[in-house]
């Protein structure tokens, strides 16, 4: 199974994401590689401080935006909720949402990483 099919099975709206890039699969895959690099810098851990989490909001907002641009729907939707919950002062609910998306996020990242290694 190819990367794009694997991402579709994980809930990614590949066609919408590629549509933003003129339908070019190669550019889309290149941008997915950039997403991997960004996740290395902006990864959010569920053990963030429940009182001091401004940096978590910043990181989650960056992930939300990148995921939106690539139509990484499960990640985008979860991080949208995480950002909203943190801005409302609900860190425990945000943490629960983050813990819930991490398995899917890791599958998406693994699929992208596997494709990059194959090239």
N, C-alpha and C. Protein backbone atom coordinates (compact mmCIF):
# COMPACT_ATOMS: atom_id res chain seq x y z
N UNK A 1 0.85 -1.18 0.00
CA UNK A 1 0.00 0.00 0.00
C UNK A 1 0.89 1.24 0.00
N UNK A 2 0.52 2.21 -0.78
CA UNK A 2 1.28 3.45 -0.86
C UNK A 2 0.95 4.40 0.27
N UNK A 3 1.77 5.41 0.41
CA UNK A 3 1.60 6.39 1.48
C UNK A 3 0.22 7.04 1.44
N UNK A 4 -0.19 7.51 0.28
CA UNK A 4 -1.45 8.25 0.21
C UNK A 4 -2.64 7.37 0.59
N UNK A 5 -2.61 6.11 0.18
CA UNK A 5 -3.70 5.19 0.55
C UNK A 5 -3.68 4.93 2.05
N UNK A 6 -2.48 4.77 2.60
CA UNK A 6 -2.35 4.53 4.04
C UNK A 6 -2.88 5.73 4.83
N UNK A 7 -2.55 6.94 4.37
CA UNK A 7 -3.03 8.14 5.05
C UNK A 7 -4.55 8.25 4.96
N UNK A 8 -5.10 7.91 3.81
CA UNK A 8 -6.57 7.93 3.66
C UNK A 8 -7.22 7.01 4.70
N UNK A 9 -6.64 5.83 4.88
CA UNK A 9 -7.19 4.88 5.85
C UNK A 9 -7.10 5.40 7.28
N UNK A 10 -6.18 6.32 7.52
CA UNK A 10 -6.03 6.92 8.85
C UNK A 10 -6.87 8.18 9.03
N UNK A 11 -7.70 8.49 8.04
CA UNK A 11 -8.61 9.62 8.16
C UNK A 11 -8.11 10.93 7.58
N UNK A 12 -7.00 10.89 6.86
CA UNK A 12 -6.45 12.09 6.24
C UNK A 12 -7.19 12.35 4.93
N UNK A 13 -7.57 13.60 4.71
CA UNK A 13 -8.24 13.98 3.47
C UNK A 13 -7.16 14.35 2.44
N UNK A 14 -6.55 13.32 1.91
CA UNK A 14 -5.42 13.48 0.98
C UNK A 14 -5.81 14.33 -0.22
N UNK A 15 -6.97 14.07 -0.80
CA UNK A 15 -7.37 14.81 -2.01
C UNK A 15 -7.51 16.31 -1.73
N UNK A 16 -8.06 16.66 -0.60
CA UNK A 16 -8.18 18.07 -0.24
C UNK A 16 -6.79 18.69 -0.04
N UNK A 17 -5.91 17.97 0.67
CA UNK A 17 -4.56 18.47 0.90
C UNK A 17 -3.79 18.67 -0.39
N UNK A 18 -3.88 17.68 -1.29
CA UNK A 18 -3.20 17.82 -2.58
C UNK A 18 -3.84 18.92 -3.41
N UNK A 19 -5.15 19.10 -3.26
CA UNK A 19 -5.84 20.15 -3.99
C UNK A 19 -5.27 21.53 -3.69
N UNK A 20 -4.83 21.72 -2.45
CA UNK A 20 -4.22 23.00 -2.07
C UNK A 20 -2.87 23.20 -2.76
N UNK A 21 -2.32 22.10 -3.27
CA UNK A 21 -1.01 22.14 -3.92
C UNK A 21 -1.12 21.84 -5.41
N UNK A 22 -2.25 22.18 -5.98
CA UNK A 22 -2.45 21.99 -7.41
C UNK A 22 -2.57 20.53 -7.82
N UNK A 23 -2.89 19.67 -6.86
CA UNK A 23 -3.06 18.25 -7.16
C UNK A 23 -1.75 17.49 -7.35
N UNK A 24 -0.65 18.10 -6.96
CA UNK A 24 0.66 17.51 -7.17
C UNK A 24 1.06 16.61 -5.99
N UNK A 25 1.04 15.31 -6.21
CA UNK A 25 1.35 14.34 -5.15
C UNK A 25 2.79 14.46 -4.66
N UNK A 26 3.71 14.75 -5.55
CA UNK A 26 5.12 14.86 -5.14
C UNK A 26 5.33 16.04 -4.19
N UNK A 27 4.70 17.16 -4.50
CA UNK A 27 4.81 18.32 -3.61
C UNK A 27 4.13 18.01 -2.27
N UNK A 28 2.97 17.34 -2.33
CA UNK A 28 2.26 16.97 -1.10
C UNK A 28 3.15 16.09 -0.22
N UNK A 29 3.78 15.10 -0.82
CA UNK A 29 4.65 14.21 -0.05
C UNK A 29 5.86 14.97 0.51
N UNK A 30 6.37 15.93 -0.24
CA UNK A 30 7.47 16.76 0.25
C UNK A 30 7.02 17.59 1.46
N UNK A 31 5.81 18.13 1.37
CA UNK A 31 5.27 18.91 2.48
C UNK A 31 5.02 18.03 3.70
N UNK A 32 4.63 16.78 3.48
CA UNK A 32 4.48 15.84 4.60
C UNK A 32 5.82 15.64 5.30
N UNK A 33 6.89 15.60 4.52
CA UNK A 33 8.22 15.51 5.11
C UNK A 33 8.55 16.72 5.96
N UNK A 34 8.14 17.88 5.51
CA UNK A 34 8.33 19.10 6.30
C UNK A 34 7.51 19.05 7.59
N UNK A 35 6.33 18.45 7.50
CA UNK A 35 5.50 18.28 8.69
C UNK A 35 6.23 17.42 9.72
N UNK A 36 6.89 16.37 9.26
CA UNK A 36 7.66 15.51 10.17
C UNK A 36 8.71 16.31 10.92
N UNK A 37 9.45 17.14 10.20
CA UNK A 37 10.48 17.95 10.82
C UNK A 37 9.88 18.90 11.85
N UNK A 38 8.75 19.51 11.49
CA UNK A 38 8.09 20.43 12.40
C UNK A 38 7.65 19.71 13.68
N UNK A 39 7.15 18.48 13.53
CA UNK A 39 6.69 17.73 14.69
C UNK A 39 7.85 17.42 15.62
N UNK A 40 9.04 17.27 15.07
CA UNK A 40 10.21 17.06 15.91
C UNK A 40 10.49 18.26 16.80
N UNK A 41 10.19 19.43 16.31
CA UNK A 41 10.44 20.67 17.06
C UNK A 41 9.27 21.06 17.96
N UNK A 42 8.05 20.76 17.53
CA UNK A 42 6.87 21.26 18.21
C UNK A 42 6.05 20.18 18.94
N UNK A 43 6.59 18.99 19.05
CA UNK A 43 5.83 17.91 19.68
C UNK A 43 5.33 18.34 21.06
N UNK A 44 4.09 17.99 21.34
CA UNK A 44 3.46 18.33 22.61
C UNK A 44 3.34 17.04 23.42
N UNK A 45 3.87 17.07 24.62
CA UNK A 45 3.80 15.91 25.51
C UNK A 45 2.63 16.07 26.47
N UNK A 46 1.93 14.99 26.78
CA UNK A 46 0.78 15.10 27.69
C UNK A 46 1.18 15.39 29.14
N UNK A 47 2.46 15.40 29.44
CA UNK A 47 2.85 15.69 30.83
C UNK A 47 3.18 17.17 31.04
N UNK A 48 2.55 18.06 30.25
CA UNK A 48 2.79 19.49 30.41
C UNK A 48 2.23 19.97 31.75
N UNK A 49 2.80 21.07 32.23
CA UNK A 49 2.41 21.68 33.49
C UNK A 49 0.98 22.22 33.39
N UNK A 50 0.13 21.81 34.29
CA UNK A 50 -1.28 22.22 34.27
C UNK A 50 -1.50 23.68 34.62
N UNK A 51 -0.46 24.36 35.11
CA UNK A 51 -0.60 25.77 35.47
C UNK A 51 0.12 26.70 34.50
N UNK A 52 1.20 26.22 33.93
CA UNK A 52 2.02 27.04 33.04
C UNK A 52 2.12 26.34 31.69
N UNK A 53 1.23 26.70 30.77
CA UNK A 53 1.17 25.97 29.51
C UNK A 53 1.07 26.87 28.28
N UNK A 54 1.57 28.09 28.41
CA UNK A 54 1.54 29.01 27.27
C UNK A 54 2.34 28.45 26.10
N UNK A 55 3.47 27.80 26.38
CA UNK A 55 4.28 27.23 25.30
C UNK A 55 3.55 26.08 24.62
N UNK A 56 2.72 25.36 25.38
CA UNK A 56 1.94 24.26 24.80
C UNK A 56 0.91 24.82 23.83
N UNK A 57 0.29 25.94 24.18
CA UNK A 57 -0.67 26.57 23.28
C UNK A 57 0.02 26.95 21.98
N UNK A 58 1.20 27.53 22.08
CA UNK A 58 1.95 27.95 20.89
C UNK A 58 2.28 26.75 20.00
N UNK A 59 2.79 25.68 20.59
CA UNK A 59 3.14 24.50 19.83
C UNK A 59 1.90 23.85 19.22
N UNK A 60 0.85 23.71 20.02
CA UNK A 60 -0.38 23.09 19.53
C UNK A 60 -0.99 23.90 18.39
N UNK A 61 -0.90 25.21 18.49
CA UNK A 61 -1.42 26.07 17.43
C UNK A 61 -0.63 25.89 16.14
N UNK A 62 0.69 25.75 16.24
CA UNK A 62 1.53 25.52 15.06
C UNK A 62 1.18 24.18 14.41
N UNK A 63 1.01 23.15 15.23
CA UNK A 63 0.65 21.82 14.71
C UNK A 63 -0.71 21.88 14.04
N UNK A 64 -1.65 22.54 14.68
CA UNK A 64 -3.00 22.69 14.12
C UNK A 64 -2.93 23.31 12.73
N UNK A 65 -2.17 24.38 12.58
CA UNK A 65 -2.07 25.06 11.29
C UNK A 65 -1.44 24.20 10.21
N UNK A 66 -0.35 23.54 10.56
CA UNK A 66 0.32 22.67 9.58
C UNK A 66 -0.57 21.51 9.19
N UNK A 67 -1.25 20.93 10.18
CA UNK A 67 -2.15 19.80 9.89
C UNK A 67 -3.32 20.25 9.03
N UNK A 68 -3.81 21.47 9.25
CA UNK A 68 -4.91 22.00 8.43
C UNK A 68 -4.47 22.15 6.98
N UNK A 69 -3.29 22.70 6.76
CA UNK A 69 -2.80 22.92 5.40
C UNK A 69 -2.67 21.63 4.61
N UNK A 70 -2.33 20.54 5.32
CA UNK A 70 -2.13 19.25 4.66
C UNK A 70 -3.35 18.34 4.76
N UNK A 71 -4.41 18.86 5.38
CA UNK A 71 -5.64 18.09 5.59
C UNK A 71 -5.39 16.80 6.37
N UNK A 72 -4.52 16.89 7.36
CA UNK A 72 -4.29 15.78 8.28
C UNK A 72 -5.41 15.85 9.33
N UNK A 73 -6.59 15.51 8.89
CA UNK A 73 -7.84 15.77 9.60
C UNK A 73 -7.84 15.34 11.06
N UNK A 74 -7.46 14.11 11.40
CA UNK A 74 -7.52 13.73 12.81
C UNK A 74 -6.62 14.59 13.70
N UNK A 75 -5.45 14.95 13.18
CA UNK A 75 -4.53 15.79 13.95
C UNK A 75 -5.08 17.20 14.04
N UNK A 76 -5.53 17.74 12.92
CA UNK A 76 -6.09 19.10 12.91
C UNK A 76 -7.26 19.22 13.89
N UNK A 77 -8.20 18.30 13.82
CA UNK A 77 -9.38 18.40 14.69
C UNK A 77 -9.01 18.30 16.16
N UNK A 78 -8.12 17.38 16.50
CA UNK A 78 -7.72 17.22 17.90
C UNK A 78 -6.98 18.46 18.40
N UNK A 79 -6.04 18.97 17.63
CA UNK A 79 -5.27 20.12 18.08
C UNK A 79 -6.12 21.40 18.09
N UNK A 80 -7.13 21.48 17.26
CA UNK A 80 -8.07 22.60 17.35
C UNK A 80 -8.75 22.59 18.70
N UNK A 81 -9.21 21.40 19.10
CA UNK A 81 -9.85 21.26 20.41
C UNK A 81 -8.86 21.54 21.54
N UNK A 82 -7.64 21.03 21.41
CA UNK A 82 -6.63 21.24 22.44
C UNK A 82 -6.36 22.72 22.64
N UNK A 83 -6.16 23.45 21.55
CA UNK A 83 -5.91 24.89 21.64
C UNK A 83 -7.10 25.59 22.30
N UNK A 84 -8.31 25.26 21.87
CA UNK A 84 -9.50 25.89 22.45
C UNK A 84 -9.61 25.61 23.94
N UNK A 85 -9.40 24.35 24.32
CA UNK A 85 -9.51 23.98 25.74
C UNK A 85 -8.45 24.69 26.58
N UNK A 86 -7.24 24.77 26.08
CA UNK A 86 -6.18 25.46 26.83
C UNK A 86 -6.49 26.94 26.95
N UNK A 87 -6.98 27.54 25.90
CA UNK A 87 -7.32 28.97 25.97
C UNK A 87 -8.48 29.24 26.92
N UNK A 88 -9.31 28.24 27.14
CA UNK A 88 -10.42 28.35 28.10
C UNK A 88 -9.99 27.97 29.51
N UNK A 89 -8.70 27.65 29.69
CA UNK A 89 -8.20 27.29 31.01
C UNK A 89 -8.62 25.89 31.46
N UNK A 90 -8.70 24.97 30.51
CA UNK A 90 -9.09 23.60 30.81
C UNK A 90 -7.97 22.63 30.42
N UNK A 91 -6.84 22.69 31.14
CA UNK A 91 -5.69 21.87 30.75
C UNK A 91 -5.93 20.37 30.88
N UNK A 92 -6.70 19.94 31.85
CA UNK A 92 -6.93 18.50 32.01
C UNK A 92 -7.73 17.92 30.84
N UNK A 93 -8.73 18.66 30.37
CA UNK A 93 -9.51 18.22 29.21
C UNK A 93 -8.64 18.22 27.96
N UNK A 94 -7.75 19.23 27.85
CA UNK A 94 -6.82 19.29 26.71
C UNK A 94 -5.88 18.10 26.75
N UNK A 95 -5.41 17.76 27.93
CA UNK A 95 -4.52 16.62 28.09
C UNK A 95 -5.22 15.33 27.65
N UNK A 96 -6.47 15.16 28.03
CA UNK A 96 -7.24 13.97 27.62
C UNK A 96 -7.37 13.90 26.11
N UNK A 97 -7.65 15.02 25.48
CA UNK A 97 -7.76 15.07 24.02
C UNK A 97 -6.43 14.72 23.37
N UNK A 98 -5.33 15.24 23.93
CA UNK A 98 -4.01 14.95 23.40
C UNK A 98 -3.68 13.46 23.52
N UNK A 99 -3.94 12.90 24.68
CA UNK A 99 -3.69 11.47 24.89
C UNK A 99 -4.51 10.64 23.90
N UNK A 100 -5.72 11.10 23.62
CA UNK A 100 -6.59 10.38 22.68
C UNK A 100 -6.09 10.39 21.25
N UNK A 101 -5.46 11.48 20.82
CA UNK A 101 -5.01 11.58 19.43
C UNK A 101 -3.61 11.02 19.22
N UNK A 102 -2.84 10.87 20.25
CA UNK A 102 -1.44 10.45 20.07
C UNK A 102 -1.28 9.13 19.32
N UNK A 103 -2.10 8.10 19.56
CA UNK A 103 -1.92 6.86 18.76
C UNK A 103 -2.13 7.08 17.26
N UNK A 104 -3.15 7.83 16.90
CA UNK A 104 -3.41 8.12 15.48
C UNK A 104 -2.32 9.01 14.91
N UNK A 105 -1.91 9.99 15.69
CA UNK A 105 -0.83 10.88 15.26
C UNK A 105 0.43 10.07 14.99
N UNK A 106 0.75 9.13 15.85
CA UNK A 106 1.95 8.33 15.67
C UNK A 106 1.84 7.45 14.44
N UNK A 107 0.65 6.92 14.16
CA UNK A 107 0.46 6.11 12.94
C UNK A 107 0.68 6.96 11.69
N UNK A 108 0.16 8.18 11.71
CA UNK A 108 0.34 9.08 10.56
C UNK A 108 1.81 9.42 10.39
N UNK A 109 2.47 9.76 11.49
CA UNK A 109 3.89 10.09 11.43
C UNK A 109 4.71 8.89 10.96
N UNK A 110 4.38 7.72 11.45
CA UNK A 110 5.09 6.49 11.04
C UNK A 110 4.92 6.21 9.55
N UNK A 111 3.72 6.44 9.05
CA UNK A 111 3.47 6.24 7.62
C UNK A 111 4.31 7.20 6.80
N UNK A 112 4.35 8.45 7.20
CA UNK A 112 5.14 9.46 6.48
C UNK A 112 6.63 9.11 6.57
N UNK A 113 7.07 8.77 7.77
CA UNK A 113 8.48 8.42 7.99
C UNK A 113 8.86 7.20 7.16
N UNK A 114 8.00 6.21 7.13
CA UNK A 114 8.26 5.00 6.35
C UNK A 114 8.39 5.29 4.87
N UNK A 115 7.57 6.20 4.39
CA UNK A 115 7.63 6.58 2.98
C UNK A 115 8.93 7.34 2.69
N UNK A 116 9.32 8.22 3.61
CA UNK A 116 10.55 8.99 3.41
C UNK A 116 11.76 8.07 3.40
N UNK A 117 11.74 7.04 4.25
CA UNK A 117 12.86 6.10 4.32
C UNK A 117 12.94 5.25 3.06
N UNK A 118 11.79 4.99 2.43
CA UNK A 118 11.76 4.17 1.22
C UNK A 118 12.28 4.91 0.00
N UNK A 119 12.35 6.21 0.08
CA UNK A 119 12.78 6.99 -1.09
C UNK A 119 14.27 7.17 -1.15
